[in-house]
């Protein structure tokens, strides 16, 4: 996993729980990196998963909820770093539909082997978008958070149903987004 993800996670922990919590987390997990990350380097997925699990115990938030919260936070970090992607899209659904074909393609140009999820979007009607998520990492809850961050950015009220989930044995997740 790219260091940019670890850096955003570090920022979230410090912003929401304080530097003492970040240091406690590092003492608990003792990551090989020592908790020092550069955005373009690759780090083991297991390092982030271990930190999320430990943080869940420290702050008393279930892992799926914590991952979703991180996704919403990470949208803000990434959008601040790369505002062009959201500026190019006129609305929430256009942005979500651009993730796989535009944003992920640009990420692949910037980073070697970014190991990104696959998102397939199908507009059911003007207010409903079906998003099929596939990834060996099974970070669908992170995708939910990123979607929440995007909706906040576009100032859209929406509902999300997670109709199929890889954590329940399916080969994909199906996220249904409905705007008001």
Protein backbone atom coordinates (compact mmCIF):
# COMPACT_ATOMS: atom_id res chain seq x y z
CA UNK A 1 0.00 0.00 0.00
CA UNK A 2 1.26 3.46 -0.86
CA UNK A 3 2.71 5.66 1.83
CA UNK A 4 0.21 8.41 1.04
CA UNK A 5 -2.46 6.19 2.66
CA UNK A 6 -0.35 5.69 5.81
CA UNK A 7 0.39 9.42 6.00
CA UNK A 8 -3.33 10.22 5.81
CA UNK A 9 -4.04 7.61 8.51
CA UNK A 10 -1.37 9.15 10.75
CA UNK A 11 -2.90 12.61 10.21
CA UNK A 12 -6.40 11.35 11.02
CA UNK A 13 -5.30 9.67 14.24
CA UNK A 14 -3.43 12.76 15.39
CA UNK A 15 -6.24 15.15 14.35
CA UNK A 16 -9.03 13.13 15.95
CA UNK A 17 -7.35 11.42 18.90
CA UNK A 18 -4.06 13.24 19.46
CA UNK A 19 -0.40 12.49 19.02
CA UNK A 20 -0.38 10.44 22.24
CA UNK A 21 -2.80 7.99 20.60
CA UNK A 22 -0.58 7.78 17.50
CA UNK A 23 2.47 7.05 19.67
CA UNK A 24 0.53 4.47 21.70
CA UNK A 25 -0.57 2.88 18.45
CA UNK A 26 3.03 2.65 17.22
CA UNK A 27 4.13 1.13 20.55
CA UNK A 28 1.34 -1.44 20.33
CA UNK A 29 1.91 -2.44 16.70
CA UNK A 30 5.68 -1.80 16.37
CA UNK A 31 5.48 -1.49 12.55
CA UNK A 32 8.56 -2.33 10.51
CA UNK A 33 8.50 1.20 9.11
CA UNK A 34 8.71 2.66 12.59
CA UNK A 35 5.70 4.76 11.65
CA UNK A 36 7.68 6.91 9.23
CA UNK A 37 6.26 7.03 5.70
CA UNK A 38 6.95 8.67 2.36
CA UNK A 39 4.05 9.05 -0.05
CA UNK A 40 5.51 7.16 -3.01
CA UNK A 41 6.93 4.14 -1.17
CA UNK A 42 5.07 0.85 -0.77
CA UNK A 43 4.41 -0.57 2.69
CA UNK A 44 2.82 -3.88 3.62
CA UNK A 45 -0.98 -3.88 3.72
CA UNK A 46 -0.69 -5.87 6.93
CA UNK A 47 0.96 -2.87 8.62
CA UNK A 48 -2.08 -0.67 8.06
CA UNK A 49 -4.50 -3.47 8.93
CA UNK A 50 -2.64 -4.07 12.22
CA UNK A 51 -2.78 -0.38 13.05
CA UNK A 52 -6.51 -0.18 12.28
CA UNK A 53 -7.16 -3.21 14.49
CA UNK A 54 -5.11 -1.76 17.35
CA UNK A 55 -6.70 1.68 16.98
CA UNK A 56 -10.15 0.10 17.07
CA UNK A 57 -9.31 -1.37 20.50
CA UNK A 58 -7.76 1.87 21.76
CA UNK A 59 -10.65 4.17 20.78
CA UNK A 60 -13.48 1.63 21.04
CA UNK A 61 -14.75 2.03 17.49
CA UNK A 62 -15.59 -1.09 15.43
CA UNK A 63 -13.15 -1.75 12.57
CA UNK A 64 -15.65 -1.25 9.70
CA UNK A 65 -16.77 2.08 11.19
CA UNK A 66 -13.18 3.18 11.72
CA UNK A 67 -12.24 2.29 8.13
CA UNK A 68 -15.27 4.17 6.80
CA UNK A 69 -14.32 7.22 8.89
CA UNK A 70 -10.79 6.99 7.53
CA UNK A 71 -12.13 6.93 3.97
CA UNK A 72 -14.10 10.14 4.54
CA UNK A 73 -11.03 11.76 6.07
CA UNK A 74 -8.78 10.52 3.27
CA UNK A 75 -11.07 12.04 0.63
CA UNK A 76 -10.35 15.44 2.15
CA UNK A 77 -6.60 14.81 2.19
CA UNK A 78 -6.52 13.59 -1.40
CA UNK A 79 -8.86 16.31 -2.66
CA UNK A 80 -6.67 18.97 -1.07
CA UNK A 81 -3.58 17.43 -2.69
CA UNK A 82 -5.22 16.79 -6.08
CA UNK A 83 -8.18 19.23 -6.41
CA UNK A 84 -8.17 18.96 -10.20
CA UNK A 85 -10.11 15.68 -10.14
CA UNK A 86 -13.13 17.08 -8.32
CA UNK A 87 -12.96 20.38 -10.23
CA UNK A 88 -13.18 18.48 -13.53
CA UNK A 89 -16.47 16.82 -12.56
CA UNK A 90 -19.67 18.84 -12.43
CA UNK A 91 -21.49 16.73 -9.86
CA UNK A 92 -21.29 13.89 -7.36
CA UNK A 93 -22.26 11.05 -9.70
CA UNK A 94 -19.94 12.31 -12.44
CA UNK A 95 -17.11 12.29 -9.92
CA UNK A 96 -17.86 8.76 -8.69
CA UNK A 97 -18.09 7.52 -12.30
CA UNK A 98 -14.71 9.12 -13.07
CA UNK A 99 -12.80 7.28 -10.34
CA UNK A 100 -11.91 4.12 -12.23
CA UNK A 101 -11.51 5.57 -15.73
CA UNK A 102 -9.83 8.89 -14.90
CA UNK A 103 -8.47 9.10 -11.36
CA UNK A 104 -7.15 5.55 -11.14
CA UNK A 105 -5.54 5.90 -14.57
CA UNK A 106 -3.69 9.02 -13.39
CA UNK A 107 -2.64 7.29 -10.17
CA UNK A 108 -1.16 4.47 -12.26
CA UNK A 109 0.94 7.06 -14.12
CA UNK A 110 2.23 8.53 -10.86
CA UNK A 111 2.91 5.36 -8.88
CA UNK A 112 4.36 1.97 -9.74
CA UNK A 113 2.01 -0.90 -8.93
CA UNK A 114 -0.62 1.05 -6.95
CA UNK A 115 -2.87 -2.06 -6.62
CA UNK A 116 -6.13 -0.13 -6.94
CA UNK A 117 -9.63 -1.51 -6.62
CA UNK A 118 -11.88 -1.88 -9.64
CA UNK A 119 -15.04 0.22 -9.65
CA UNK A 120 -17.75 -0.27 -12.22
CA UNK A 121 -20.53 2.31 -12.15
CA UNK A 122 -23.95 2.07 -13.73
CA UNK A 123 -26.44 4.91 -13.58
CA UNK A 124 -29.83 3.34 -12.92
CA UNK A 125 -31.69 6.66 -13.14
CA UNK A 126 -30.73 10.33 -12.53
CA UNK A 127 -30.85 9.75 -8.74
CA UNK A 128 -29.46 6.21 -8.46
CA UNK A 129 -25.96 4.91 -9.14
CA UNK A 130 -24.89 1.28 -8.74
CA UNK A 131 -21.20 0.92 -7.89
CA UNK A 132 -19.62 -2.52 -8.14
CA UNK A 133 -16.43 -2.72 -6.08
CA UNK A 134 -13.79 -5.45 -6.48
CA UNK A 135 -10.48 -5.67 -4.65
CA UNK A 136 -8.44 -8.42 -3.02
CA UNK A 137 -7.98 -6.02 -0.09
CA UNK A 138 -11.74 -5.95 0.57
CA UNK A 139 -11.65 -2.30 1.64
CA UNK A 140 -15.26 -1.61 0.69
CA UNK A 141 -15.77 0.31 3.94
CA UNK A 142 -12.96 2.64 2.90
CA UNK A 143 -14.79 3.13 -0.41
CA UNK A 144 -17.96 4.00 1.54
CA UNK A 145 -16.01 6.66 3.42
CA UNK A 146 -14.46 8.08 0.28
CA UNK A 147 -17.97 8.29 -1.19
CA UNK A 148 -19.17 10.11 1.95
CA UNK A 149 -16.28 12.55 1.60
CA UNK A 150 -17.17 13.17 -2.04
CA UNK A 151 -20.83 13.73 -1.19
CA UNK A 152 -19.83 16.27 1.44
CA UNK A 153 -17.57 18.01 -1.08
CA UNK A 154 -20.38 18.23 -3.64
CA UNK A 155 -22.89 19.14 -0.91
CA UNK A 156 -25.16 16.24 -1.80
CA UNK A 157 -27.53 14.38 0.48
CA UNK A 158 -27.45 10.70 -0.38
CA UNK A 159 -28.18 7.26 0.97
CA UNK A 160 -25.99 4.22 0.50
CA UNK A 161 -26.99 0.58 0.71
CA UNK A 162 -24.35 -2.13 0.68
CA UNK A 163 -26.41 -4.81 -1.07
CA UNK A 164 -23.62 -7.35 -1.66
CA UNK A 165 -20.36 -7.58 0.29
CA UNK A 166 -17.11 -9.46 -0.20
CA UNK A 167 -16.97 -9.88 3.60
CA UNK A 168 -20.10 -12.03 3.28
CA UNK A 169 -18.51 -14.33 0.69
CA UNK A 170 -19.54 -12.53 -2.50
CA UNK A 171 -17.00 -11.96 -5.29
CA UNK A 172 -17.79 -8.23 -5.27
CA UNK A 173 -19.51 -5.52 -3.31
CA UNK A 174 -22.53 -3.69 -4.65
CA UNK A 175 -23.03 -0.18 -3.34
CA UNK A 176 -26.27 1.54 -4.30
CA UNK A 177 -26.13 5.34 -4.08
CA UNK A 178 -29.33 7.36 -4.13
CA UNK A 179 -29.38 11.15 -4.09
CA UNK A 180 -32.26 13.27 -2.83
